[in-house]
Amino acid sequence: MNRIESEWHQLKTHEIAGQMFDNNYDLAMAIIDGIEKRSLKDGYALERFIFNCT
């Protein structure tokens, strides 16, 4: 797996596993929150995140 696949796997397995979302916005917010938590835990800077939900 490349790095993004590894990060996505960790996010799905640990941050949003077992959750149900009513809409795309709630899912997007959970993903953003999970990425922010992982960046703090793993000590890397999260400079910018853009999520286009159309």
Protein backbone atom coordinates (compact mmCIF):
# COMPACT_ATOMS: atom_id res chain seq x y z
CA MET A 1 0.00 0.00 0.00
CA ASN A 2 1.10 3.55 -0.58
CA ARG A 3 1.03 6.04 2.27
CA ILE A 4 -2.46 7.40 1.64
CA GLU A 5 -3.90 3.88 1.53
CA SER A 6 -2.23 3.09 4.84
CA GLU A 7 -3.58 6.28 6.41
CA TRP A 8 -7.08 5.62 5.05
CA HIS A 9 -6.99 2.08 6.41
CA GLN A 10 -5.99 3.34 9.87
CA LEU A 11 -8.67 6.03 9.75
CA LYS A 12 -11.39 3.53 8.82
CA THR A 13 -10.18 0.96 11.34
CA HIS A 14 -9.63 3.21 14.35
CA GLU A 15 -11.35 6.56 13.95
CA ILE A 16 -14.65 5.91 12.19
CA ALA A 17 -15.12 2.16 12.56
CA GLY A 18 -18.61 1.05 13.50
CA GLN A 19 -20.19 4.46 13.03
CA MET A 20 -23.24 5.19 10.89
CA PHE A 21 -23.71 8.57 9.26
CA ASP A 22 -26.99 10.19 8.29
CA ASN A 23 -25.50 12.19 5.43
CA ASN A 24 -22.31 13.08 3.58
CA TYR A 25 -21.68 16.10 5.79
CA ASP A 26 -21.56 14.02 8.97
CA LEU A 27 -19.21 11.55 7.30
CA ALA A 28 -16.98 14.38 6.10
CA MET A 29 -16.82 15.90 9.58
CA ALA A 30 -15.92 12.52 11.11
CA ILE A 31 -13.14 12.09 8.54
CA ILE A 32 -11.78 15.58 9.19
CA ASP A 33 -11.89 15.02 12.96
CA GLY A 34 -10.14 11.66 12.57
CA ILE A 35 -7.40 13.12 10.40
CA GLU A 36 -6.83 15.93 12.89
CA LYS A 37 -6.61 13.44 15.79
CA ARG A 38 -4.17 11.24 13.87
CA SER A 39 -1.97 14.22 13.02
CA LEU A 40 -1.74 15.20 16.70
CA LYS A 41 -1.12 11.61 17.81
CA ASP A 42 1.50 10.89 15.17
CA GLY A 43 3.15 14.32 15.37
CA TYR A 44 2.76 15.58 11.84
CA ALA A 45 1.49 18.94 10.71
CA LEU A 46 -1.88 19.12 9.07
CA GLU A 47 -1.74 22.30 7.04
CA ARG A 48 -4.83 22.13 4.91
CA PHE A 49 -7.65 19.76 4.16
CA ILE A 50 -10.20 20.30 1.41
CA PHE A 51 -13.23 18.05 1.12
CA ASN A 52 -15.44 18.55 -1.91
CA CYS A 53 -18.81 16.97 -1.25
CA THR A 54 -21.06 17.40 -4.24
